[in-house]
Amino acid sequence: MNARTRIDSRRGRREQREIERDARRARLRVLLARADRGVLTPEESALLRGDVEDEITECDTHRRSAGGQQAAAMRLHKRIEAAEQCLIETEAERDRYAAEAEALRPHAVEKGC
């Protein structure tokens, strides 16, 4: 498998995002340490701002995705509950018909059916 195939796959894209995120966070730690000492250059300040904005954007994207996944899970949960209720009703109807059929059995035996 070549590098392009790995990057094009879902797993490859995830791994690439993780690598980029780890590098960005490492830069943030260095830049924040320099900011604490008051020795940031204008270029480093711009880099710090860009990295923080990228982190915020990524967090917002993942938060929206998680919200969508939770909504989808709730919809599926409701469908499962409805299916289970349908099964309960169907089984009750089956049992009722079975009881009715059993009650009719003596009559069928008398008639020779």
C-alpha atoms as a PDB file:
ATOM      1  CA  MET A   1       0.000   0.000   0.000  1.00  0.00           C
ATOM      2  CA  ASN A   2       1.469   3.378  -0.927  1.00  0.00           C
ATOM      3  CA  ALA A   3       1.340   6.607   1.105  1.00  0.00           C
ATOM      4  CA  ARG A   4      -1.446   8.066  -1.031  1.00  0.00           C
ATOM      5  CA  THR A   5      -3.714   5.084  -0.373  1.00  0.00           C
ATOM      6  CA  ARG A   6      -3.115   5.348   3.373  1.00  0.00           C
ATOM      7  CA  ILE A   7      -3.914   9.084   3.367  1.00  0.00           C
ATOM      8  CA  ASP A   8      -7.037   8.544   1.257  1.00  0.00           C
ATOM      9  CA  SER A   9      -8.437   5.958   3.668  1.00  0.00           C
ATOM     10  CA  ARG A  10     -10.514   6.981   6.661  1.00  0.00           C
ATOM     11  CA  ARG A  11      -7.897   5.571   9.014  1.00  0.00           C
ATOM     12  CA  GLY A  12      -5.118   7.341   7.128  1.00  0.00           C
ATOM     13  CA  ARG A  13      -6.933  10.686   7.267  1.00  0.00           C
ATOM     14  CA  ARG A  14      -7.569  10.221  10.985  1.00  0.00           C
ATOM     15  CA  GLU A  15      -3.921   9.414  11.616  1.00  0.00           C
ATOM     16  CA  GLN A  16      -2.844  12.436   9.565  1.00  0.00           C
ATOM     17  CA  ARG A  17      -5.170  14.712  11.576  1.00  0.00           C
ATOM     18  CA  GLU A  18      -3.755  13.287  14.803  1.00  0.00           C
ATOM     19  CA  ILE A  19      -0.183  13.957  13.633  1.00  0.00           C
ATOM     20  CA  GLU A  20      -1.089  17.520  12.659  1.00  0.00           C
ATOM     21  CA  ARG A  21      -2.945  18.082  15.943  1.00  0.00           C
ATOM     22  CA  ASP A  22      -0.031  16.741  18.003  1.00  0.00           C
ATOM     23  CA  ALA A  23       2.422  19.002  16.160  1.00  0.00           C
ATOM     24  CA  ARG A  24       0.132  22.012  16.583  1.00  0.00           C
ATOM     25  CA  ARG A  25      -0.284  21.333  20.299  1.00  0.00           C
ATOM     26  CA  ALA A  26       3.473  20.949  20.746  1.00  0.00           C
ATOM     27  CA  ARG A  27       3.959  24.350  19.035  1.00  0.00           C
ATOM     28  CA  LEU A  28       1.265  25.815  21.288  1.00  0.00           C
ATOM     29  CA  ARG A  29       3.087  24.630  24.393  1.00  0.00           C
ATOM     30  CA  VAL A  30       6.356  26.191  23.216  1.00  0.00           C
ATOM     31  CA  LEU A  31       4.684  29.439  22.200  1.00  0.00           C
ATOM     32  CA  LEU A  32       2.723  29.673  25.442  1.00  0.00           C
ATOM     33  CA  ALA A  33       5.909  29.125  27.426  1.00  0.00           C
ATOM     34  CA  ARG A  34       7.582  31.927  25.449  1.00  0.00           C
ATOM     35  CA  ALA A  35       4.521  34.135  25.971  1.00  0.00           C
ATOM     36  CA  ASP A  36       4.781  33.505  29.717  1.00  0.00           C
ATOM     37  CA  ARG A  37       8.324  34.826  29.612  1.00  0.00           C
ATOM     38  CA  GLY A  38       7.263  37.778  27.413  1.00  0.00           C
ATOM     39  CA  VAL A  39       9.625  36.924  24.550  1.00  0.00           C
ATOM     40  CA  LEU A  40       7.261  36.236  21.647  1.00  0.00           C
ATOM     41  CA  THR A  41       8.242  37.713  18.307  1.00  0.00           C
ATOM     42  CA  PRO A  42       5.523  39.134  16.038  1.00  0.00           C
ATOM     43  CA  GLU A  43       5.847  36.025  13.824  1.00  0.00           C
ATOM     44  CA  GLU A  44       5.409  33.752  16.825  1.00  0.00           C
ATOM     45  CA  SER A  45       2.376  35.747  17.938  1.00  0.00           C
ATOM     46  CA  ALA A  46       0.803  35.239  14.505  1.00  0.00           C
ATOM     47  CA  LEU A  47       1.649  31.515  14.658  1.00  0.00           C
ATOM     48  CA  LEU A  48       0.124  31.262  18.132  1.00  0.00           C
ATOM     49  CA  ARG A  49      -3.073  32.937  16.944  1.00  0.00           C
ATOM     50  CA  GLY A  50      -3.309  30.662  13.897  1.00  0.00           C
ATOM     51  CA  ASP A  51      -2.765  27.499  15.933  1.00  0.00           C
ATOM     52  CA  VAL A  52      -5.328  28.530  18.552  1.00  0.00           C
ATOM     53  CA  GLU A  53      -7.880  29.332  15.847  1.00  0.00           C
ATOM     54  CA  ASP A  54      -7.212  25.949  14.197  1.00  0.00           C
ATOM     55  CA  GLU A  55      -7.753  24.187  17.548  1.00  0.00           C
ATOM     56  CA  ILE A  56     -11.016  26.078  18.093  1.00  0.00           C
ATOM     57  CA  THR A  57     -12.236  25.239  14.583  1.00  0.00           C
ATOM     58  CA  GLU A  58     -11.364  21.557  14.987  1.00  0.00           C
ATOM     59  CA  CYS A  59     -13.059  21.378  18.399  1.00  0.00           C
ATOM     60  CA  ASP A  60     -16.203  23.021  17.023  1.00  0.00           C
ATOM     61  CA  THR A  61     -16.275  20.584  14.106  1.00  0.00           C
ATOM     62  CA  HIS A  62     -15.964  17.580  16.395  1.00  0.00           C
ATOM     63  CA  ARG A  63     -18.582  18.972  18.777  1.00  0.00           C
ATOM     64  CA  ARG A  64     -21.059  19.357  15.900  1.00  0.00           C
ATOM     65  CA  SER A  65     -20.248  15.854  14.686  1.00  0.00           C
ATOM     66  CA  ALA A  66     -20.770  14.420  18.165  1.00  0.00           C
ATOM     67  CA  GLY A  67     -24.101  16.234  18.419  1.00  0.00           C
ATOM     68  CA  GLY A  68     -25.212  14.749  15.114  1.00  0.00           C
ATOM     69  CA  GLN A  69     -24.135  11.283  16.212  1.00  0.00           C
ATOM     70  CA  GLN A  70     -26.063  11.646  19.461  1.00  0.00           C
ATOM     71  CA  ALA A  71     -29.175  12.724  17.563  1.00  0.00           C
ATOM     72  CA  ALA A  72     -28.826   9.747  15.208  1.00  0.00           C
ATOM     73  CA  ALA A  73     -28.383   7.406  18.178  1.00  0.00           C
ATOM     74  CA  MET A  74     -31.543   8.798  19.787  1.00  0.00           C
ATOM     75  CA  ARG A  75     -33.506   8.275  16.558  1.00  0.00           C
ATOM     76  CA  LEU A  76     -32.292   4.672  16.378  1.00  0.00           C
ATOM     77  CA  HIS A  77     -33.148   4.154  20.032  1.00  0.00           C
ATOM     78  CA  LYS A  78     -36.711   5.352  19.387  1.00  0.00           C
ATOM     79  CA  ARG A  79     -36.997   3.019  16.377  1.00  0.00           C
ATOM     80  CA  ILE A  80     -35.827   0.088  18.480  1.00  0.00           C
ATOM     81  CA  GLU A  81     -38.356   0.936  21.190  1.00  0.00           C
ATOM     82  CA  ALA A  82     -41.119   1.123  18.563  1.00  0.00           C
ATOM     83  CA  ALA A  83     -40.046  -2.229  17.081  1.00  0.00           C
ATOM     84  CA  GLU A  84     -40.004  -3.828  20.515  1.00  0.00           C
ATOM     85  CA  GLN A  85     -43.485  -2.476  21.234  1.00  0.00           C
ATOM     86  CA  CYS A  86     -44.674  -3.862  17.897  1.00  0.00           C
ATOM     87  CA  LEU A  87     -43.241  -7.269  18.832  1.00  0.00           C
ATOM     88  CA  ILE A  88     -45.031  -7.196  22.173  1.00  0.00           C
ATOM     89  CA  GLU A  89     -48.326  -6.332  20.486  1.00  0.00           C
ATOM     90  CA  THR A  90     -47.832  -9.002  17.797  1.00  0.00           C
ATOM     91  CA  GLU A  91     -47.014 -11.673  20.375  1.00  0.00           C
ATOM     92  CA  ALA A  92     -50.065 -10.718  22.433  1.00  0.00           C
ATOM     93  CA  GLU A  93     -52.244 -10.955  19.315  1.00  0.00           C
ATOM     94  CA  ARG A  94     -50.702 -14.337  18.483  1.00  0.00           C
ATOM     95  CA  ASP A  95     -51.415 -15.605  21.985  1.00  0.00           C
ATOM     96  CA  ARG A  96     -54.994 -14.331  21.793  1.00  0.00           C
ATOM     97  CA  TYR A  97     -55.573 -16.117  18.469  1.00  0.00           C
ATOM     98  CA  ALA A  98     -53.956 -19.278  19.826  1.00  0.00           C
ATOM     99  CA  ALA A  99     -56.299 -19.193  22.830  1.00  0.00           C
ATOM    100  CA  GLU A 100     -59.296 -18.659  20.528  1.00  0.00           C
ATOM    101  CA  ALA A 101     -58.176 -21.560  18.326  1.00  0.00           C
ATOM    102  CA  GLU A 102     -57.751 -23.784  21.376  1.00  0.00           C
ATOM    103  CA  ALA A 103     -61.247 -22.832  22.549  1.00  0.00           C
ATOM    104  CA  LEU A 104     -62.648 -23.877  19.144  1.00  0.00           C
ATOM    105  CA  ARG A 105     -60.842 -27.238  19.164  1.00  0.00           C
ATOM    106  CA  PRO A 106     -63.563 -29.182  21.048  1.00  0.00           C
ATOM    107  CA  HIS A 107     -66.118 -28.014  18.492  1.00  0.00           C
ATOM    108  CA  ALA A 108     -63.912 -29.138  15.616  1.00  0.00           C
ATOM    109  CA  VAL A 109     -63.413 -32.562  17.209  1.00  0.00           C
ATOM    110  CA  GLU A 110     -67.203 -32.994  17.617  1.00  0.00           C
ATOM    111  CA  LYS A 111     -67.754 -32.238  13.942  1.00  0.00           C
ATOM    112  CA  GLY A 112     -64.939 -34.570  12.915  1.00  0.00           C
ATOM    113  CA  CYS A 113     -62.691 -31.948  11.395  1.00  0.00           C
END
